[in-house]
Amino acid sequence: NRERYNMESTTLGRTGQKVCRLGAGLTQLGQLSLVDVGTAGRILGAALDAGINFFDTAECYGYSEEMIGKTVAHRRDEIVLATKTGHVSTGSSGQPWTAQTVREGIDRSLAKLNTDHVDLLQVHAYDISGPPPDDVIEAIFEAKDAGKTRFIGYSAENEDAEWAIQTGLYDTLQTSFSLVDQRARHGLLERAT
């Protein structure tokens, strides 16, 4: 129960979704050498029990999506679930940042997560200079139209994050901000709200 732990909540971007201010970034959960299924289930269950309801993963985070699907899929209604797409990941083939790779990646993610939709699908750290090709963006919005995601986000830094804000296409922006990386506080965060 979130109130029991005094967890503050906020609205996630333009989604209208209420999320705990403390979310779970699940990169490390995907490292089988670090986390087994039993441990993953205990970690994710404890997070949910404490009121943490925002889970952020990606197909390129190793086994992170599978861990979620195997351990807490039965609690799906408690989770605001975000994943990312665009990269070619372990066990898949193709070229990164093509519409086909994005379409196939979305379907693989849904299967691994053991769900029919995610709440937030994010274009993930597009790694070629400039904005993603139009057909990649179209494939992501096709997923929204098909009910595979409720909202679309962008996950990148600096000029790429600025581009995402300027397009007005995305419901959320995920960008770097930490003690060692303060660039986003120089106007980017204000422009994103």
N, C-alpha and C. Protein backbone atom coordinates (compact mmCIF):
# COMPACT_ATOMS: atom_id res chain seq x y z
N ASN A 1 0.85 -1.16 0.00
CA ASN A 1 0.00 0.00 0.00
C ASN A 1 0.90 1.23 0.00
N ARG A 2 0.78 2.06 -1.04
CA ARG A 2 1.66 3.20 -1.25
C ARG A 2 1.62 4.17 -0.07
N GLU A 3 0.44 4.44 0.49
CA GLU A 3 0.33 5.38 1.60
C GLU A 3 1.11 4.89 2.82
N ARG A 4 1.12 3.59 3.00
CA ARG A 4 1.82 3.01 4.14
C ARG A 4 3.30 3.38 4.13
N TYR A 5 3.89 3.48 2.95
CA TYR A 5 5.30 3.80 2.82
C TYR A 5 5.52 5.28 2.48
N ASN A 6 4.44 6.08 2.50
CA ASN A 6 4.53 7.51 2.19
C ASN A 6 5.19 7.78 0.85
N MET A 7 4.89 6.97 -0.14
CA MET A 7 5.44 7.16 -1.47
C MET A 7 4.71 8.32 -2.15
N GLU A 8 5.48 9.27 -2.65
CA GLU A 8 4.90 10.37 -3.41
C GLU A 8 4.65 9.90 -4.84
N SER A 9 3.59 10.40 -5.43
CA SER A 9 3.32 10.06 -6.83
C SER A 9 3.29 11.33 -7.66
N THR A 10 3.41 11.15 -8.95
CA THR A 10 3.37 12.25 -9.90
C THR A 10 2.73 11.72 -11.18
N THR A 11 2.43 12.62 -12.10
CA THR A 11 1.89 12.21 -13.40
C THR A 11 3.04 12.01 -14.38
N LEU A 12 3.02 10.90 -15.07
CA LEU A 12 4.08 10.55 -16.02
C LEU A 12 3.86 11.29 -17.33
N GLY A 13 4.67 12.32 -17.57
CA GLY A 13 4.60 13.08 -18.82
C GLY A 13 3.19 13.53 -19.15
N ARG A 14 2.79 13.30 -20.39
CA ARG A 14 1.44 13.66 -20.84
C ARG A 14 0.50 12.46 -20.84
N THR A 15 0.86 11.40 -20.10
CA THR A 15 0.06 10.17 -20.14
C THR A 15 -1.17 10.21 -19.24
N GLY A 16 -1.13 11.01 -18.20
CA GLY A 16 -2.20 10.98 -17.20
C GLY A 16 -2.02 9.84 -16.20
N GLN A 17 -1.01 9.00 -16.39
CA GLN A 17 -0.74 7.87 -15.50
C GLN A 17 -0.07 8.36 -14.22
N LYS A 18 -0.58 7.91 -13.08
CA LYS A 18 0.05 8.22 -11.80
C LYS A 18 1.13 7.20 -11.52
N VAL A 19 2.33 7.68 -11.28
CA VAL A 19 3.45 6.80 -10.96
C VAL A 19 4.13 7.30 -9.69
N CYS A 20 4.73 6.37 -9.01
CA CYS A 20 5.54 6.68 -7.85
C CYS A 20 6.75 7.49 -8.33
N ARG A 21 7.17 8.48 -7.56
CA ARG A 21 8.34 9.27 -7.96
C ARG A 21 9.61 8.43 -8.04
N LEU A 22 9.63 7.31 -7.35
CA LEU A 22 10.75 6.39 -7.40
C LEU A 22 10.35 5.22 -8.29
N GLY A 23 10.97 5.11 -9.45
CA GLY A 23 10.67 4.02 -10.37
C GLY A 23 11.75 2.96 -10.33
N ALA A 24 11.50 1.86 -10.98
CA ALA A 24 12.45 0.76 -11.03
C ALA A 24 13.04 0.65 -12.43
N GLY A 25 14.29 1.07 -12.57
CA GLY A 25 15.03 0.87 -13.81
C GLY A 25 15.65 -0.52 -13.76
N LEU A 26 15.35 -1.36 -14.73
CA LEU A 26 15.61 -2.79 -14.58
C LEU A 26 16.72 -3.34 -15.48
N THR A 27 17.70 -2.52 -15.80
CA THR A 27 18.83 -2.99 -16.59
C THR A 27 19.54 -4.15 -15.90
N GLN A 28 19.89 -3.98 -14.65
CA GLN A 28 20.66 -5.00 -13.93
C GLN A 28 19.87 -6.29 -13.72
N LEU A 29 18.55 -6.18 -13.71
CA LEU A 29 17.72 -7.37 -13.55
C LEU A 29 17.92 -8.35 -14.70
N GLY A 30 18.38 -7.85 -15.83
CA GLY A 30 18.56 -8.68 -17.01
C GLY A 30 19.84 -9.47 -17.05
N GLN A 31 20.69 -9.31 -16.06
CA GLN A 31 21.97 -10.02 -16.04
C GLN A 31 21.83 -11.32 -15.27
N LEU A 32 21.67 -12.42 -15.99
CA LEU A 32 21.46 -13.71 -15.32
C LEU A 32 22.60 -14.09 -14.39
N SER A 33 23.79 -13.58 -14.66
CA SER A 33 24.90 -13.88 -13.76
C SER A 33 24.71 -13.18 -12.41
N LEU A 34 23.87 -12.16 -12.37
CA LEU A 34 23.64 -11.41 -11.13
C LEU A 34 22.33 -11.78 -10.45
N VAL A 35 21.30 -12.12 -11.25
CA VAL A 35 19.96 -12.30 -10.70
C VAL A 35 19.31 -13.54 -11.30
N ASP A 36 18.82 -14.45 -10.45
CA ASP A 36 18.05 -15.59 -10.94
C ASP A 36 16.56 -15.28 -10.84
N VAL A 37 15.73 -16.15 -11.37
CA VAL A 37 14.29 -15.89 -11.42
C VAL A 37 13.70 -15.71 -10.02
N GLY A 38 14.11 -16.54 -9.07
CA GLY A 38 13.60 -16.41 -7.70
C GLY A 38 13.95 -15.08 -7.08
N THR A 39 15.19 -14.66 -7.27
CA THR A 39 15.62 -13.36 -6.73
C THR A 39 14.89 -12.23 -7.43
N ALA A 40 14.75 -12.33 -8.75
CA ALA A 40 14.02 -11.30 -9.49
C ALA A 40 12.59 -11.17 -8.99
N GLY A 41 11.93 -12.29 -8.74
CA GLY A 41 10.57 -12.25 -8.23
C GLY A 41 10.48 -11.57 -6.87
N ARG A 42 11.45 -11.85 -6.01
CA ARG A 42 11.46 -11.20 -4.69
C ARG A 42 11.70 -9.69 -4.81
N ILE A 43 12.61 -9.30 -5.69
CA ILE A 43 12.92 -7.88 -5.87
C ILE A 43 11.70 -7.14 -6.43
N LEU A 44 11.12 -7.67 -7.50
CA LEU A 44 9.98 -7.01 -8.14
C LEU A 44 8.76 -7.00 -7.24
N GLY A 45 8.52 -8.11 -6.54
CA GLY A 45 7.40 -8.17 -5.61
C GLY A 45 7.55 -7.17 -4.48
N ALA A 46 8.77 -7.05 -3.95
CA ALA A 46 9.02 -6.09 -2.86
C ALA A 46 8.83 -4.66 -3.35
N ALA A 47 9.26 -4.38 -4.58
CA ALA A 47 9.06 -3.05 -5.13
C ALA A 47 7.57 -2.72 -5.23
N LEU A 48 6.78 -3.65 -5.77
CA LEU A 48 5.34 -3.43 -5.87
C LEU A 48 4.70 -3.28 -4.49
N ASP A 49 5.10 -4.14 -3.56
CA ASP A 49 4.54 -4.07 -2.21
C ASP A 49 4.85 -2.73 -1.54
N ALA A 50 5.99 -2.13 -1.88
CA ALA A 50 6.38 -0.84 -1.31
C ALA A 50 5.72 0.34 -2.01
N GLY A 51 4.99 0.07 -3.10
CA GLY A 51 4.30 1.14 -3.81
C GLY A 51 5.01 1.63 -5.05
N ILE A 52 6.13 1.01 -5.41
CA ILE A 52 6.83 1.39 -6.65
C ILE A 52 6.09 0.72 -7.80
N ASN A 53 5.49 1.54 -8.66
CA ASN A 53 4.65 0.98 -9.71
C ASN A 53 5.16 1.23 -11.13
N PHE A 54 6.25 1.98 -11.30
CA PHE A 54 6.79 2.25 -12.63
C PHE A 54 7.98 1.34 -12.87
N PHE A 55 7.86 0.41 -13.82
CA PHE A 55 8.92 -0.51 -14.18
C PHE A 55 9.41 -0.16 -15.58
N ASP A 56 10.70 0.13 -15.70
CA ASP A 56 11.29 0.53 -16.96
C ASP A 56 12.28 -0.53 -17.41
N THR A 57 12.04 -1.11 -18.57
CA THR A 57 12.89 -2.17 -19.09
C THR A 57 13.12 -1.93 -20.58
N ALA A 58 13.78 -2.86 -21.23
CA ALA A 58 14.02 -2.81 -22.68
C ALA A 58 14.45 -4.20 -23.12
N GLU A 59 14.16 -4.51 -24.38
CA GLU A 59 14.60 -5.81 -24.90
C GLU A 59 16.12 -5.93 -24.82
N CYS A 60 16.83 -4.83 -25.01
CA CYS A 60 18.29 -4.88 -24.98
C CYS A 60 18.86 -4.91 -23.56
N TYR A 61 18.01 -5.05 -22.54
CA TYR A 61 18.47 -5.19 -21.16
C TYR A 61 18.65 -6.66 -20.80
N GLY A 62 19.01 -7.47 -21.74
CA GLY A 62 19.23 -8.89 -21.45
C GLY A 62 17.93 -9.60 -21.13
N TYR A 63 17.86 -10.26 -19.98
CA TYR A 63 16.69 -11.06 -19.60
C TYR A 63 15.68 -10.29 -18.75
N SER A 64 15.81 -8.99 -18.68
CA SER A 64 14.94 -8.18 -17.83
C SER A 64 13.45 -8.38 -18.14
N GLU A 65 13.09 -8.31 -19.43
CA GLU A 65 11.68 -8.49 -19.79
C GLU A 65 11.17 -9.87 -19.39
N GLU A 66 11.97 -10.90 -19.63
CA GLU A 66 11.56 -12.27 -19.25
C GLU A 66 11.35 -12.37 -17.74
N MET A 67 12.22 -11.74 -16.97
CA MET A 67 12.10 -11.80 -15.51
C MET A 67 10.78 -11.19 -15.05
N ILE A 68 10.41 -10.08 -15.65
CA ILE A 68 9.13 -9.45 -15.32
C ILE A 68 7.99 -10.39 -15.70
N GLY A 69 8.04 -10.92 -16.93
CA GLY A 69 6.98 -11.80 -17.41
C GLY A 69 6.83 -13.07 -16.60
N LYS A 70 7.94 -13.61 -16.10
CA LYS A 70 7.90 -14.85 -15.33
C LYS A 70 7.51 -14.66 -13.88
N THR A 71 7.68 -13.45 -13.35
CA THR A 71 7.53 -13.30 -11.90
C THR A 71 6.37 -12.41 -11.45
N VAL A 72 6.05 -11.36 -12.19
CA VAL A 72 5.00 -10.45 -11.72
C VAL A 72 3.91 -10.17 -12.75
N ALA A 73 3.85 -10.95 -13.83
CA ALA A 73 2.82 -10.73 -14.84
C ALA A 73 1.42 -10.85 -14.22
N HIS A 74 1.27 -11.67 -13.20
CA HIS A 74 -0.02 -11.83 -12.53
C HIS A 74 -0.44 -10.56 -11.76
N ARG A 75 0.50 -9.61 -11.60
CA ARG A 75 0.22 -8.34 -10.93
C ARG A 75 0.23 -7.18 -11.92
N ARG A 76 0.02 -7.49 -13.20
CA ARG A 76 0.12 -6.50 -14.28
C ARG A 76 -0.70 -5.25 -14.03
N ASP A 77 -1.87 -5.38 -13.42
CA ASP A 77 -2.73 -4.22 -13.19
C ASP A 77 -2.15 -3.24 -12.16
N GLU A 78 -1.11 -3.63 -11.45
CA GLU A 78 -0.45 -2.74 -10.48
C GLU A 78 0.73 -1.99 -11.09
N ILE A 79 1.10 -2.34 -12.31
CA ILE A 79 2.35 -1.86 -12.90
C ILE A 79 2.08 -0.90 -14.05
N VAL A 80 2.78 0.23 -14.05
CA VAL A 80 2.88 1.07 -15.23
C VAL A 80 4.16 0.59 -15.91
N LEU A 81 3.98 -0.14 -16.99
CA LEU A 81 5.07 -0.89 -17.62
C LEU A 81 5.60 -0.17 -18.85
N ALA A 82 6.90 0.09 -18.84
CA ALA A 82 7.55 0.75 -19.97
C ALA A 82 8.65 -0.14 -20.52
N THR A 83 8.72 -0.21 -21.85
CA THR A 83 9.86 -0.88 -22.49
C THR A 83 10.32 0.00 -23.63
N LYS A 84 11.42 -0.42 -24.24
CA LYS A 84 12.04 0.37 -25.30
C LYS A 84 12.27 -0.52 -26.52
N THR A 85 12.41 0.12 -27.66
CA THR A 85 12.58 -0.62 -28.90
C THR A 85 13.56 0.08 -29.83
N GLY A 86 14.05 -0.66 -30.80
CA GLY A 86 14.90 -0.11 -31.84
C GLY A 86 16.19 -0.87 -32.08
N HIS A 87 16.77 -1.43 -31.02
CA HIS A 87 18.03 -2.15 -31.16
C HIS A 87 17.79 -3.60 -31.57
N VAL A 88 18.79 -4.21 -32.17
CA VAL A 88 18.79 -5.65 -32.40
C VAL A 88 19.37 -6.26 -31.13
N SER A 89 18.64 -7.16 -30.52
CA SER A 89 19.03 -7.71 -29.23
C SER A 89 19.42 -9.16 -29.34
N THR A 90 19.97 -9.69 -28.27
CA THR A 90 20.38 -11.09 -28.22
C THR A 90 19.21 -11.99 -28.63
N GLY A 91 19.49 -12.91 -29.54
CA GLY A 91 18.45 -13.83 -29.98
C GLY A 91 17.62 -13.31 -31.14
N SER A 92 17.90 -12.10 -31.60
CA SER A 92 17.17 -11.56 -32.74
C SER A 92 18.15 -11.24 -33.85
N SER A 93 17.63 -10.98 -35.02
CA SER A 93 18.49 -10.66 -36.15
C SER A 93 17.92 -9.45 -36.87
N GLY A 94 18.62 -8.98 -37.87
CA GLY A 94 18.16 -7.83 -38.63
C GLY A 94 19.07 -6.64 -38.40
N GLN A 95 18.66 -5.53 -38.93
CA GLN A 95 19.42 -4.29 -38.81
C GLN A 95 18.76 -3.40 -37.76
N PRO A 96 19.56 -2.72 -36.95
CA PRO A 96 18.95 -1.81 -35.98
C PRO A 96 18.26 -0.65 -36.69
N TRP A 97 17.24 -0.15 -36.07
CA TRP A 97 16.55 1.05 -36.51
C TRP A 97 15.92 0.94 -37.88
N THR A 98 15.27 -0.21 -38.11
CA THR A 98 14.40 -0.35 -39.27
C THR A 98 12.99 -0.60 -38.75
N ALA A 99 12.02 -0.31 -39.57
CA ALA A 99 10.63 -0.53 -39.17
C ALA A 99 10.39 -2.00 -38.84
N GLN A 100 10.97 -2.90 -39.63
CA GLN A 100 10.79 -4.33 -39.40
C GLN A 100 11.39 -4.75 -38.05
N THR A 101 12.58 -4.27 -37.74
CA THR A 101 13.20 -4.58 -36.45
C THR A 101 12.34 -4.07 -35.30
N VAL A 102 11.80 -2.87 -35.45
CA VAL A 102 10.93 -2.31 -34.40
C VAL A 102 9.67 -3.15 -34.24
N ARG A 103 9.01 -3.50 -35.35
CA ARG A 103 7.79 -4.30 -35.26
C ARG A 103 8.05 -5.65 -34.59
N GLU A 104 9.11 -6.32 -35.03
CA GLU A 104 9.44 -7.63 -34.46
C GLU A 104 9.84 -7.50 -32.99
N GLY A 105 10.58 -6.45 -32.67
CA GLY A 105 11.02 -6.24 -31.29
C GLY A 105 9.85 -6.00 -30.35
N ILE A 106 8.87 -5.23 -30.80
CA ILE A 106 7.69 -4.98 -29.98
C ILE A 106 6.97 -6.29 -29.68
N ASP A 107 6.78 -7.10 -30.69
CA ASP A 107 6.08 -8.37 -30.48
C ASP A 107 6.86 -9.31 -29.57
N ARG A 108 8.20 -9.34 -29.75
CA ARG A 108 9.02 -10.16 -28.83
C ARG A 108 8.92 -9.65 -27.40
N SER A 109 8.95 -8.33 -27.22
CA SER A 109 8.86 -7.76 -25.88
C SER A 109 7.54 -8.13 -25.21
N LEU A 110 6.45 -8.03 -25.94
CA LEU A 110 5.15 -8.38 -25.36
C LEU A 110 5.11 -9.84 -24.94
N ALA A 111 5.68 -10.71 -25.77
CA ALA A 111 5.71 -12.13 -25.43
C ALA A 111 6.56 -12.36 -24.18
N LYS A 112 7.73 -11.76 -24.12
CA LYS A 112 8.61 -11.93 -22.96
C LYS A 112 7.98 -11.37 -21.69
N LEU A 113 7.29 -10.24 -21.81
CA LEU A 113 6.66 -9.59 -20.66
C LEU A 113 5.36 -10.29 -20.25
N ASN A 114 4.90 -11.22 -21.07
CA ASN A 114 3.68 -11.97 -20.78
C ASN A 114 2.48 -11.03 -20.63
N THR A 115 2.34 -10.12 -21.61
CA THR A 115 1.25 -9.16 -21.60
C THR A 115 0.84 -8.86 -23.04
N ASP A 116 -0.33 -8.28 -23.21
CA ASP A 116 -0.78 -7.93 -24.55
C ASP A 116 -0.49 -6.46 -24.89
N HIS A 117 -0.03 -5.69 -23.89
CA HIS A 117 0.31 -4.30 -24.14
C HIS A 117 1.26 -3.78 -23.07
N VAL A 118 2.00 -2.74 -23.41
CA VAL A 118 2.75 -1.99 -22.42
C VAL A 118 2.08 -0.64 -22.27
N ASP A 119 2.34 0.01 -21.17
CA ASP A 119 1.78 1.34 -20.98
C ASP A 119 2.57 2.39 -21.75
N LEU A 120 3.88 2.18 -21.86
CA LEU A 120 4.74 3.14 -22.53
C LEU A 120 5.77 2.42 -23.38
N LEU A 121 5.79 2.73 -24.66
CA LEU A 121 6.79 2.21 -25.59
C LEU A 121 7.69 3.37 -25.96
N GLN A 122 9.00 3.20 -25.72
CA GLN A 122 9.93 4.29 -25.94
C GLN A 122 10.90 4.00 -27.09
N VAL A 123 11.10 4.99 -27.94
CA VAL A 123 12.16 4.95 -28.92
C VAL A 123 13.44 5.06 -28.10
N HIS A 124 14.33 4.10 -28.25
CA HIS A 124 15.45 3.96 -27.32
C HIS A 124 16.78 4.40 -27.91
N ALA A 125 17.30 5.52 -27.40
CA ALA A 125 18.67 5.93 -27.69
C ALA A 125 19.06 5.69 -29.14
N TYR A 126 18.31 6.29 -30.04
CA TYR A 126 18.63 6.16 -31.46
C TYR A 126 20.09 6.51 -31.65
N ASP A 127 20.87 5.59 -32.19
CA ASP A 127 22.32 5.73 -32.17
C ASP A 127 22.95 6.12 -33.50
N ILE A 128 22.16 6.70 -34.37
CA ILE A 128 22.68 7.23 -35.63
C ILE A 128 22.34 8.71 -35.63
N SER A 129 23.27 9.54 -36.04
CA SER A 129 23.06 10.98 -35.96
C SER A 129 21.77 11.39 -36.66
N GLY A 130 21.00 12.21 -35.96
CA GLY A 130 19.74 12.69 -36.50
C GLY A 130 18.56 11.90 -35.99
N PRO A 131 17.35 12.33 -36.32
CA PRO A 131 16.15 11.65 -35.84
C PRO A 131 15.97 10.29 -36.51
N PRO A 132 15.22 9.38 -35.84
CA PRO A 132 14.94 8.08 -36.45
C PRO A 132 14.22 8.24 -37.78
N PRO A 133 14.40 7.30 -38.69
CA PRO A 133 13.69 7.37 -39.98
C PRO A 133 12.17 7.38 -39.78
N ASP A 134 11.48 8.01 -40.72
CA ASP A 134 10.03 8.11 -40.62
C ASP A 134 9.35 6.76 -40.49
N ASP A 135 9.86 5.73 -41.20
CA ASP A 135 9.18 4.43 -41.14
C ASP A 135 9.32 3.79 -39.77
N VAL A 136 10.38 4.10 -39.03
CA VAL A 136 10.53 3.61 -37.66
C VAL A 136 9.49 4.28 -36.76
N ILE A 137 9.35 5.57 -36.90
CA ILE A 137 8.35 6.30 -36.11
C ILE A 137 6.96 5.79 -36.46
N GLU A 138 6.69 5.58 -37.73
CA GLU A 138 5.39 5.05 -38.15
C GLU A 138 5.12 3.69 -37.54
N ALA A 139 6.14 2.81 -37.48
CA ALA A 139 5.96 1.48 -36.91
C ALA A 139 5.60 1.57 -35.43
N ILE A 140 6.18 2.51 -34.74
CA ILE A 140 5.89 2.69 -33.31
C ILE A 140 4.45 3.17 -33.13
N PHE A 141 4.04 4.12 -33.94
CA PHE A 141 2.67 4.61 -33.82
C PHE A 141 1.65 3.58 -34.32
N GLU A 142 2.05 2.71 -35.23
CA GLU A 142 1.19 1.58 -35.62
C GLU A 142 0.94 0.67 -34.42
N ALA A 143 1.97 0.47 -33.61
CA ALA A 143 1.82 -0.36 -32.40
C ALA A 143 0.80 0.27 -31.46
N LYS A 144 0.81 1.59 -31.37
CA LYS A 144 -0.18 2.27 -30.53
C LYS A 144 -1.58 2.07 -31.10
N ASP A 145 -1.71 2.25 -32.39
CA ASP A 145 -3.02 2.07 -33.03
C ASP A 145 -3.53 0.64 -32.87
N ALA A 146 -2.62 -0.32 -32.80
CA ALA A 146 -3.00 -1.73 -32.64
C ALA A 146 -3.24 -2.12 -31.19
N GLY A 147 -3.08 -1.18 -30.27
CA GLY A 147 -3.31 -1.46 -28.86
C GLY A 147 -2.15 -2.15 -28.15
N LYS A 148 -0.98 -2.16 -28.79
CA LYS A 148 0.18 -2.80 -28.17
C LYS A 148 0.85 -1.89 -27.15
N THR A 149 0.58 -0.61 -27.23
CA THR A 149 1.04 0.35 -26.23
C THR A 149 -0.01 1.43 -26.08
N ARG A 150 -0.04 2.00 -24.90
CA ARG A 150 -0.99 3.10 -24.66
C ARG A 150 -0.36 4.45 -24.99
N PHE A 151 0.96 4.57 -24.76
CA PHE A 151 1.64 5.84 -24.95
C PHE A 151 3.00 5.61 -25.61
N ILE A 152 3.53 6.69 -26.21
CA ILE A 152 4.81 6.65 -26.91
C ILE A 152 5.76 7.63 -26.23
N GLY A 153 6.99 7.17 -25.99
CA GLY A 153 8.00 8.03 -25.39
C GLY A 153 9.30 8.01 -26.16
N TYR A 154 10.21 8.86 -25.75
CA TYR A 154 11.53 8.95 -26.37
C TYR A 154 12.56 8.90 -25.26
N SER A 155 13.60 8.11 -25.45
CA SER A 155 14.66 7.95 -24.46
C SER A 155 15.99 8.30 -25.10
N ALA A 156 16.50 9.51 -24.78
CA ALA A 156 17.76 9.96 -25.37
C ALA A 156 18.26 11.19 -24.62
N GLU A 157 19.42 11.68 -25.03
CA GLU A 157 20.03 12.82 -24.37
C GLU A 157 20.29 13.95 -25.36
N ASN A 158 20.53 15.10 -24.80
CA ASN A 158 21.07 16.27 -25.49
C ASN A 158 20.31 16.63 -26.77
N GLU A 159 20.99 16.69 -27.92
CA GLU A 159 20.34 17.13 -29.16
C GLU A 159 19.18 16.20 -29.55
N ASP A 160 19.34 14.91 -29.31
CA ASP A 160 18.26 13.98 -29.64
C ASP A 160 17.03 14.24 -28.77
N ALA A 161 17.26 14.52 -27.50
CA ALA A 161 16.15 14.85 -26.60
C ALA A 161 15.48 16.15 -27.03
N GLU A 162 16.29 17.13 -27.43
CA GLU A 162 15.73 18.40 -27.92
C GLU A 162 14.86 18.15 -29.15
N TRP A 163 15.34 17.30 -30.06
CA TRP A 163 14.55 16.98 -31.26
C TRP A 163 13.21 16.38 -30.86
N ALA A 164 13.23 15.44 -29.93
CA ALA A 164 11.99 14.78 -29.51
C ALA A 164 10.99 15.78 -28.93
N ILE A 165 11.48 16.72 -28.14
CA ILE A 165 10.60 17.75 -27.57
C ILE A 165 10.01 18.60 -28.68
N GLN A 166 10.84 19.01 -29.61
CA GLN A 166 10.38 19.91 -30.68
C GLN A 166 9.33 19.26 -31.58
N THR A 167 9.37 17.94 -31.74
CA THR A 167 8.40 17.29 -32.62
C THR A 167 7.00 17.31 -32.03
N GLY A 168 6.89 17.28 -30.70
CA GLY A 168 5.59 17.20 -30.06
C GLY A 168 4.92 15.84 -30.21
N LEU A 169 5.65 14.83 -30.73
CA LEU A 169 5.07 13.51 -30.98
C LEU A 169 4.94 12.65 -29.73
N TYR A 170 5.78 12.90 -28.74
CA TYR A 170 5.96 11.93 -27.66
C TYR A 170 5.26 12.35 -26.37
N ASP A 171 4.76 11.35 -25.67
CA ASP A 171 4.06 11.59 -24.40
C ASP A 171 5.03 11.74 -23.24
N THR A 172 6.23 11.17 -23.38
CA THR A 172 7.24 11.25 -22.33
C THR A 172 8.63 11.42 -22.95
N LEU A 173 9.54 11.92 -22.12
CA LEU A 173 10.94 11.98 -22.49
C LEU A 173 11.73 11.43 -21.31
N GLN A 174 12.57 10.45 -21.59
CA GLN A 174 13.48 9.92 -20.58
C GLN A 174 14.88 10.35 -20.99
N THR A 175 15.55 11.07 -20.09
CA THR A 175 16.88 11.58 -20.42
C THR A 175 17.79 11.46 -19.21
N SER A 176 19.08 11.59 -19.42
CA SER A 176 20.05 11.49 -18.33
C SER A 176 19.97 12.72 -17.43
N PHE A 177 20.01 12.47 -16.13
CA PHE A 177 20.11 13.54 -15.15
C PHE A 177 20.62 12.91 -13.86
N SER A 178 21.80 13.30 -13.45
CA SER A 178 22.41 12.73 -12.26
C SER A 178 23.39 13.73 -11.67
N LEU A 179 24.05 13.33 -10.61
CA LEU A 179 25.06 14.20 -10.01
C LEU A 179 26.18 14.52 -10.98
N VAL A 180 26.51 13.58 -11.86
CA VAL A 180 27.62 13.81 -12.79
C VAL A 180 27.17 14.33 -14.15
N ASP A 181 25.89 14.25 -14.47
CA ASP A 181 25.38 14.72 -15.76
C ASP A 181 24.23 15.68 -15.49
N GLN A 182 24.54 16.97 -15.47
CA GLN A 182 23.56 18.01 -15.14
C GLN A 182 23.07 18.79 -16.37
N ARG A 183 23.45 18.38 -17.57
CA ARG A 183 23.12 19.17 -18.75
C ARG A 183 21.63 19.39 -18.93
N ALA A 184 20.80 18.44 -18.56
CA ALA A 184 19.36 18.56 -18.80
C ALA A 184 18.73 19.70 -18.02
N ARG A 185 19.35 20.11 -16.92
CA ARG A 185 18.75 21.18 -16.12
C ARG A 185 18.93 22.55 -16.73
N HIS A 186 19.69 22.66 -17.81
CA HIS A 186 19.94 23.94 -18.47
C HIS A 186 18.92 24.15 -19.60
N GLY A 187 17.64 24.08 -19.26
CA GLY A 187 16.57 24.38 -20.20
C GLY A 187 15.82 23.17 -20.72
N LEU A 188 16.48 22.03 -20.84
CA LEU A 188 15.82 20.85 -21.41
C LEU A 188 14.62 20.41 -20.58
N LEU A 189 14.77 20.31 -19.28
CA LEU A 189 13.67 19.85 -18.43
C LEU A 189 12.48 20.79 -18.50
N GLU A 190 12.74 22.10 -18.53
CA GLU A 190 11.64 23.06 -18.64
C GLU A 190 10.92 22.92 -19.96
N ARG A 191 11.66 22.73 -21.05
CA ARG A 191 11.04 22.60 -22.37
C ARG A 191 10.25 21.29 -22.50
N ALA A 192 10.60 20.31 -21.70
CA ALA A 192 9.92 19.01 -21.79
C ALA A 192 8.59 19.01 -21.05
N THR A 193 8.34 19.98 -20.18
CA THR A 193 7.09 20.00 -19.40
C THR A 193 6.00 20.77 -20.06
